[in-house]
């Protein structure tokens, strides 16, 4: 085997490898990574964002499981969010976590929230003010 033939074989092998890598990235790189994405925001008393995550979901995923994977200290008791990240609802309920779905206060607990692609869920620390 002469030097020219060896160079052609090496160049052909590299070309096949590059083509294979390109096909892989084109076929998987533009594919959907799930059925949709939700945005979850954790905000302080003033409404300032403390943490924000875009979470990819697939049909059948449970909201509490998705959030629990991205946020620390995410505790739900009887359908109510009691803790998230550095906030724990105090025993006197002087502050609590209010849930907003697409900017509107949720009328249901976390276990009953229906989400679709593009839904924004905000956990806002709220102060209890007795009337």
Protein backbone atom coordinates (compact mmCIF):
# COMPACT_ATOMS: atom_id res chain seq x y z
CA UNK A 1 0.00 0.00 0.00
CA UNK A 2 1.48 3.30 -1.03
CA UNK A 3 1.36 6.62 0.83
CA UNK A 4 -1.41 8.14 -1.37
CA UNK A 5 -3.75 5.19 -0.79
CA UNK A 6 -3.20 5.36 2.97
CA UNK A 7 -3.97 9.11 2.99
CA UNK A 8 -7.18 8.50 0.98
CA UNK A 9 -8.30 5.83 3.46
CA UNK A 10 -7.64 8.10 6.43
CA UNK A 11 -9.46 11.06 4.82
CA UNK A 12 -12.40 8.80 3.90
CA UNK A 13 -12.61 7.46 7.46
CA UNK A 14 -12.58 10.99 8.88
CA UNK A 15 -15.27 12.08 6.41
CA UNK A 16 -17.50 9.14 7.39
CA UNK A 17 -16.99 9.92 11.07
CA UNK A 18 -17.84 13.62 10.59
CA UNK A 19 -20.91 12.70 8.55
CA UNK A 20 -22.07 10.31 11.27
CA UNK A 21 -21.65 12.95 13.99
CA UNK A 22 -23.55 15.52 11.88
CA UNK A 23 -26.42 13.11 11.27
CA UNK A 24 -26.60 12.34 15.01
CA UNK A 25 -26.77 16.02 16.01
CA UNK A 26 -29.29 16.91 13.33
CA UNK A 27 -31.57 14.02 14.24
CA UNK A 28 -31.44 14.58 18.02
CA UNK A 29 -30.47 18.22 18.39
CA UNK A 30 -33.66 19.58 16.91
CA UNK A 31 -35.99 16.96 18.37
CA UNK A 32 -38.48 17.88 21.05
CA UNK A 33 -37.09 17.34 24.51
CA UNK A 34 -40.56 16.80 25.93
CA UNK A 35 -44.18 17.65 25.48
CA UNK A 36 -43.65 21.20 26.70
CA UNK A 37 -41.95 23.57 29.07
CA UNK A 38 -43.24 25.33 32.16
CA UNK A 39 -41.56 28.19 33.96
CA UNK A 40 -41.47 28.04 37.74
CA UNK A 41 -40.62 31.17 39.72
CA UNK A 42 -39.91 31.53 43.43
CA UNK A 43 -40.39 35.15 44.56
CA UNK A 44 -39.92 37.05 47.81
CA UNK A 45 -42.42 39.29 49.65
CA UNK A 46 -41.78 42.18 47.27
CA UNK A 47 -42.29 39.99 44.21
CA UNK A 48 -38.59 39.91 43.31
CA UNK A 49 -37.47 36.66 41.71
CA UNK A 50 -35.22 34.56 43.91
CA UNK A 51 -35.03 31.58 41.57
CA UNK A 52 -36.49 30.82 38.16
CA UNK A 53 -36.38 27.51 36.27
CA UNK A 54 -37.67 26.43 32.87
CA UNK A 55 -38.73 22.81 33.26
CA UNK A 56 -39.31 20.43 30.37
CA UNK A 57 -42.15 17.98 30.94
CA UNK A 58 -43.69 15.01 29.23
CA UNK A 59 -47.31 13.91 29.25
CA UNK A 60 -48.13 12.26 32.55
CA UNK A 61 -45.50 14.10 34.62
CA UNK A 62 -46.68 15.33 38.01
CA UNK A 63 -46.12 18.98 38.82
CA UNK A 64 -44.82 18.34 42.34
CA UNK A 65 -42.25 15.86 41.02
CA UNK A 66 -41.03 18.28 38.33
CA UNK A 67 -40.65 21.13 40.81
CA UNK A 68 -39.10 18.90 43.47
CA UNK A 69 -36.30 18.00 41.07
CA UNK A 70 -35.38 21.65 40.40
CA UNK A 71 -36.06 23.34 43.75
CA UNK A 72 -34.55 22.40 47.10
CA UNK A 73 -36.62 21.95 50.25
CA UNK A 74 -39.87 21.63 48.24
CA UNK A 75 -42.39 20.29 50.74
CA UNK A 76 -46.09 19.76 50.05
CA UNK A 77 -48.45 18.82 52.89
CA UNK A 78 -52.10 18.04 52.23
CA UNK A 79 -51.84 19.75 48.84
CA UNK A 80 -50.31 22.93 50.23
CA UNK A 81 -46.77 24.09 49.54
CA UNK A 82 -45.19 24.51 52.95
CA UNK A 83 -41.54 25.02 52.00
CA UNK A 84 -39.42 25.93 49.02
CA UNK A 85 -35.70 26.67 48.90
CA UNK A 86 -34.88 28.82 52.00
CA UNK A 87 -38.51 29.53 53.00
CA UNK A 88 -40.48 27.47 55.52
CA UNK A 89 -44.03 28.47 56.44
CA UNK A 90 -43.91 29.46 60.13
CA UNK A 91 -46.28 27.74 62.56
CA UNK A 92 -48.24 31.00 63.09
CA UNK A 93 -48.77 31.37 59.31
CA UNK A 94 -47.61 35.01 59.48
CA UNK A 95 -46.14 34.33 56.04
CA UNK A 96 -47.10 31.65 53.55
CA UNK A 97 -46.59 30.63 49.94
CA UNK A 98 -49.21 31.86 47.51
CA UNK A 99 -49.35 30.14 44.11
CA UNK A 100 -49.99 32.07 40.91
CA UNK A 101 -50.66 30.37 37.58
CA UNK A 102 -50.02 32.58 34.56
CA UNK A 103 -50.22 35.67 36.79
CA UNK A 104 -53.55 34.74 38.43
CA UNK A 105 -53.86 33.50 42.01
CA UNK A 106 -54.54 29.77 41.90
CA UNK A 107 -57.96 28.72 43.12
CA UNK A 108 -56.74 25.14 43.62
CA UNK A 109 -53.88 23.53 45.48
CA UNK A 110 -50.63 22.43 43.89
CA UNK A 111 -51.91 18.87 43.34
CA UNK A 112 -54.81 20.10 41.19
CA UNK A 113 -53.03 22.63 38.98
CA UNK A 114 -53.34 21.78 35.30
CA UNK A 115 -50.35 22.90 33.26
CA UNK A 116 -49.62 23.05 29.56
CA UNK A 117 -46.72 24.20 27.42
CA UNK A 118 -45.84 27.77 28.39
CA UNK A 119 -47.54 27.80 31.80
CA UNK A 120 -45.84 30.06 34.36
CA UNK A 121 -46.19 29.03 38.00
CA UNK A 122 -45.05 31.47 40.66
CA UNK A 123 -44.54 30.69 44.33
CA UNK A 124 -44.75 34.07 46.06
CA UNK A 125 -44.00 34.56 49.72
CA UNK A 126 -47.03 36.40 51.12
CA UNK A 127 -47.67 38.04 54.45
CA UNK A 128 -50.84 37.17 56.36
CA UNK A 129 -52.67 40.33 57.38
CA UNK A 130 -55.67 39.67 59.64
CA UNK A 131 -58.66 41.91 59.07
